[in-house]
């Protein structure tokens, strides 16, 4: 997953490291969280429909609340 993100958005490496340090040991999700019920799987904030559409095309988006990288879950 990390490799795919960096291939799409090479500038995301610094942000990913900040998120890793921020959430390390505090959350089961870390820097990535699945999208569940049209919201962030970590903080449960709803995601705008246009951003959901981008995620459905395979693009990583970030949560407007917790800043985690979001992805469509295979569940």
N, C-alpha and C. Protein backbone atom coordinates (compact mmCIF):
# COMPACT_ATOMS: atom_id res chain seq x y z
N UNK A 1 0.82 -1.18 0.00
CA UNK A 1 0.00 0.00 0.00
C UNK A 1 0.87 1.26 0.00
N UNK A 2 1.92 1.26 0.79
CA UNK A 2 2.80 2.42 0.87
C UNK A 2 3.46 2.68 -0.47
N UNK A 3 3.89 1.63 -1.14
CA UNK A 3 4.53 1.78 -2.44
C UNK A 3 3.57 2.41 -3.45
N UNK A 4 2.31 1.99 -3.41
CA UNK A 4 1.32 2.55 -4.34
C UNK A 4 1.09 4.02 -4.07
N UNK A 5 1.00 4.39 -2.78
CA UNK A 5 0.81 5.79 -2.42
C UNK A 5 1.98 6.63 -2.93
N UNK A 6 3.19 6.18 -2.67
CA UNK A 6 4.37 6.96 -3.09
C UNK A 6 4.50 7.04 -4.60
N UNK A 7 4.05 6.02 -5.31
CA UNK A 7 4.06 6.07 -6.77
C UNK A 7 3.08 7.13 -7.27
N UNK A 8 1.93 7.24 -6.62
CA UNK A 8 0.92 8.23 -7.01
C UNK A 8 1.28 9.63 -6.56
N UNK A 9 1.81 9.72 -5.34
CA UNK A 9 2.06 11.02 -4.73
C UNK A 9 3.44 11.00 -4.05
N UNK A 10 4.52 11.20 -4.82
CA UNK A 10 5.86 11.12 -4.23
C UNK A 10 6.07 12.08 -3.06
N UNK A 11 5.37 13.19 -3.04
CA UNK A 11 5.54 14.16 -1.95
C UNK A 11 4.89 13.70 -0.65
N UNK A 12 4.18 12.59 -0.67
CA UNK A 12 3.46 12.12 0.51
C UNK A 12 4.37 11.47 1.55
N UNK A 13 5.62 11.22 1.19
CA UNK A 13 6.52 10.52 2.12
C UNK A 13 6.69 11.27 3.44
N UNK A 14 6.90 12.57 3.40
CA UNK A 14 7.08 13.37 4.62
C UNK A 14 5.81 13.36 5.46
N UNK A 15 4.66 13.50 4.81
CA UNK A 15 3.39 13.49 5.54
C UNK A 15 3.15 12.12 6.17
N UNK A 16 3.48 11.07 5.46
CA UNK A 16 3.29 9.73 5.98
C UNK A 16 4.15 9.52 7.24
N UNK A 17 5.37 10.03 7.22
CA UNK A 17 6.25 9.91 8.38
C UNK A 17 5.70 10.70 9.57
N UNK A 18 5.18 11.90 9.33
CA UNK A 18 4.58 12.69 10.42
C UNK A 18 3.39 11.96 11.02
N UNK A 19 2.55 11.38 10.17
CA UNK A 19 1.39 10.64 10.67
C UNK A 19 1.81 9.40 11.44
N UNK A 20 2.84 8.73 10.96
CA UNK A 20 3.32 7.55 11.66
C UNK A 20 3.77 7.91 13.07
N UNK A 21 4.51 8.99 13.20
CA UNK A 21 4.97 9.43 14.51
C UNK A 21 3.81 9.89 15.39
N UNK A 22 2.85 10.56 14.79
CA UNK A 22 1.69 11.08 15.53
C UNK A 22 0.84 9.97 16.12
N UNK A 23 0.61 8.91 15.35
CA UNK A 23 -0.31 7.87 15.77
C UNK A 23 0.37 6.61 16.31
N UNK A 24 1.67 6.55 16.27
CA UNK A 24 2.40 5.37 16.72
C UNK A 24 2.04 5.02 18.17
N UNK A 25 1.54 3.82 18.37
CA UNK A 25 1.17 3.35 19.70
C UNK A 25 -0.12 3.91 20.25
N UNK A 26 -0.79 4.80 19.50
CA UNK A 26 -2.02 5.42 19.99
C UNK A 26 -3.27 4.92 19.27
N UNK A 27 -3.06 4.25 18.15
CA UNK A 27 -4.19 3.86 17.33
C UNK A 27 -3.86 2.57 16.58
N UNK A 28 -4.88 1.80 16.33
CA UNK A 28 -4.69 0.56 15.56
C UNK A 28 -4.48 0.86 14.08
N UNK A 29 -4.78 2.07 13.63
CA UNK A 29 -4.74 2.38 12.20
C UNK A 29 -3.44 2.98 11.71
N UNK A 30 -2.73 3.74 12.48
CA UNK A 30 -1.51 4.38 12.01
C UNK A 30 -1.82 5.45 10.98
N UNK A 31 -1.00 5.54 9.92
CA UNK A 31 -1.14 6.59 8.92
C UNK A 31 -2.23 6.29 7.88
N UNK A 32 -2.71 5.05 7.83
CA UNK A 32 -3.72 4.64 6.85
C UNK A 32 -4.98 4.16 7.55
N UNK A 33 -6.13 4.46 6.96
CA UNK A 33 -7.40 3.97 7.50
C UNK A 33 -8.32 3.62 6.34
N UNK A 34 -9.13 2.59 6.50
CA UNK A 34 -10.08 2.24 5.44
C UNK A 34 -11.27 3.18 5.45
N UNK A 35 -11.92 3.28 4.32
CA UNK A 35 -13.17 4.03 4.25
C UNK A 35 -14.29 3.06 4.59
N UNK A 36 -15.09 3.40 5.57
CA UNK A 36 -16.20 2.55 6.00
C UNK A 36 -17.46 3.40 6.14
N UNK A 37 -18.53 2.93 5.53
CA UNK A 37 -19.82 3.64 5.58
C UNK A 37 -19.67 5.11 5.20
N UNK A 38 -18.94 5.37 4.13
CA UNK A 38 -18.71 6.71 3.59
C UNK A 38 -18.01 7.64 4.56
N UNK A 39 -17.23 7.06 5.47
CA UNK A 39 -16.49 7.88 6.42
C UNK A 39 -15.12 7.29 6.72
N UNK A 40 -14.33 8.04 7.43
CA UNK A 40 -13.01 7.58 7.84
C UNK A 40 -13.16 6.44 8.83
N UNK A 41 -12.47 5.34 8.57
CA UNK A 41 -12.56 4.18 9.45
C UNK A 41 -11.91 4.41 10.80
N UNK A 42 -11.06 5.43 10.91
CA UNK A 42 -10.37 5.70 12.18
C UNK A 42 -11.15 6.68 13.05
N UNK A 43 -11.54 7.83 12.49
CA UNK A 43 -12.21 8.85 13.31
C UNK A 43 -13.71 8.97 13.01
N UNK A 44 -14.17 8.26 11.99
CA UNK A 44 -15.58 8.17 11.61
C UNK A 44 -16.22 9.46 11.07
N UNK A 45 -15.40 10.41 10.67
CA UNK A 45 -15.92 11.63 10.06
C UNK A 45 -16.34 11.32 8.63
N UNK A 46 -17.50 11.85 8.22
CA UNK A 46 -18.03 11.62 6.87
C UNK A 46 -17.11 12.24 5.82
N UNK A 47 -17.06 11.60 4.66
CA UNK A 47 -16.23 12.06 3.55
C UNK A 47 -17.15 12.58 2.45
N UNK A 48 -16.80 13.73 1.88
CA UNK A 48 -17.60 14.34 0.81
C UNK A 48 -17.69 13.38 -0.38
N UNK A 49 -18.82 13.40 -1.07
CA UNK A 49 -19.06 12.46 -2.16
C UNK A 49 -18.03 12.57 -3.28
N UNK A 50 -17.60 13.76 -3.61
CA UNK A 50 -16.59 13.93 -4.67
C UNK A 50 -15.27 13.29 -4.30
N UNK A 51 -14.91 13.38 -3.05
CA UNK A 51 -13.67 12.76 -2.58
C UNK A 51 -13.82 11.25 -2.55
N UNK A 52 -15.00 10.76 -2.21
CA UNK A 52 -15.25 9.31 -2.24
C UNK A 52 -15.09 8.77 -3.65
N UNK A 53 -15.57 9.52 -4.62
CA UNK A 53 -15.44 9.09 -6.02
C UNK A 53 -13.96 8.97 -6.41
N UNK A 54 -13.14 9.91 -5.97
CA UNK A 54 -11.70 9.83 -6.26
C UNK A 54 -11.10 8.58 -5.63
N UNK A 55 -11.49 8.28 -4.41
CA UNK A 55 -10.96 7.09 -3.73
C UNK A 55 -11.39 5.82 -4.46
N UNK A 56 -12.59 5.81 -5.00
CA UNK A 56 -13.07 4.63 -5.71
C UNK A 56 -12.29 4.37 -7.00
N UNK A 57 -11.62 5.39 -7.51
CA UNK A 57 -10.80 5.20 -8.71
C UNK A 57 -9.39 4.73 -8.35
N UNK A 58 -9.14 4.56 -7.05
CA UNK A 58 -7.84 4.06 -6.61
C UNK A 58 -6.88 5.13 -6.11
N UNK A 59 -7.33 6.38 -6.09
CA UNK A 59 -6.50 7.48 -5.63
C UNK A 59 -6.58 7.56 -4.10
N UNK A 60 -5.44 7.75 -3.45
CA UNK A 60 -5.46 7.95 -2.00
C UNK A 60 -5.96 9.35 -1.70
N UNK A 61 -6.83 9.46 -0.74
CA UNK A 61 -7.30 10.76 -0.27
C UNK A 61 -6.95 10.83 1.22
N UNK A 62 -7.06 12.01 1.80
CA UNK A 62 -6.80 12.14 3.23
C UNK A 62 -8.07 12.56 3.95
N UNK A 63 -8.15 12.20 5.21
CA UNK A 63 -9.29 12.57 6.03
C UNK A 63 -9.16 14.04 6.41
N UNK A 64 -10.23 14.80 6.27
CA UNK A 64 -10.22 16.22 6.60
C UNK A 64 -10.10 16.44 8.11
N UNK A 65 -10.41 15.42 8.90
CA UNK A 65 -10.36 15.57 10.35
C UNK A 65 -9.03 15.08 10.93
N UNK A 66 -8.66 13.84 10.67
CA UNK A 66 -7.46 13.26 11.31
C UNK A 66 -6.24 13.23 10.40
N UNK A 67 -6.40 13.55 9.12
CA UNK A 67 -5.33 13.64 8.12
C UNK A 67 -4.77 12.29 7.66
N UNK A 68 -5.34 11.17 8.11
CA UNK A 68 -4.85 9.87 7.66
C UNK A 68 -5.13 9.69 6.17
N UNK A 69 -4.28 8.88 5.54
CA UNK A 69 -4.53 8.49 4.15
C UNK A 69 -5.66 7.47 4.17
N UNK A 70 -6.65 7.65 3.31
CA UNK A 70 -7.81 6.77 3.26
C UNK A 70 -7.81 5.94 1.99
N UNK A 71 -8.33 4.74 2.12
CA UNK A 71 -8.40 3.85 0.96
C UNK A 71 -9.71 3.06 1.05
N UNK A 72 -10.13 2.53 -0.09
CA UNK A 72 -11.33 1.70 -0.14
C UNK A 72 -10.95 0.32 0.40
N UNK A 73 -11.67 -0.13 1.40
CA UNK A 73 -11.41 -1.41 2.02
C UNK A 73 -11.89 -2.54 1.13
N UNK A 74 -11.18 -3.65 1.15
CA UNK A 74 -11.56 -4.82 0.35
C UNK A 74 -12.71 -5.59 0.98
N UNK A 75 -13.13 -5.20 2.17
CA UNK A 75 -14.22 -5.91 2.88
C UNK A 75 -15.54 -5.74 2.18
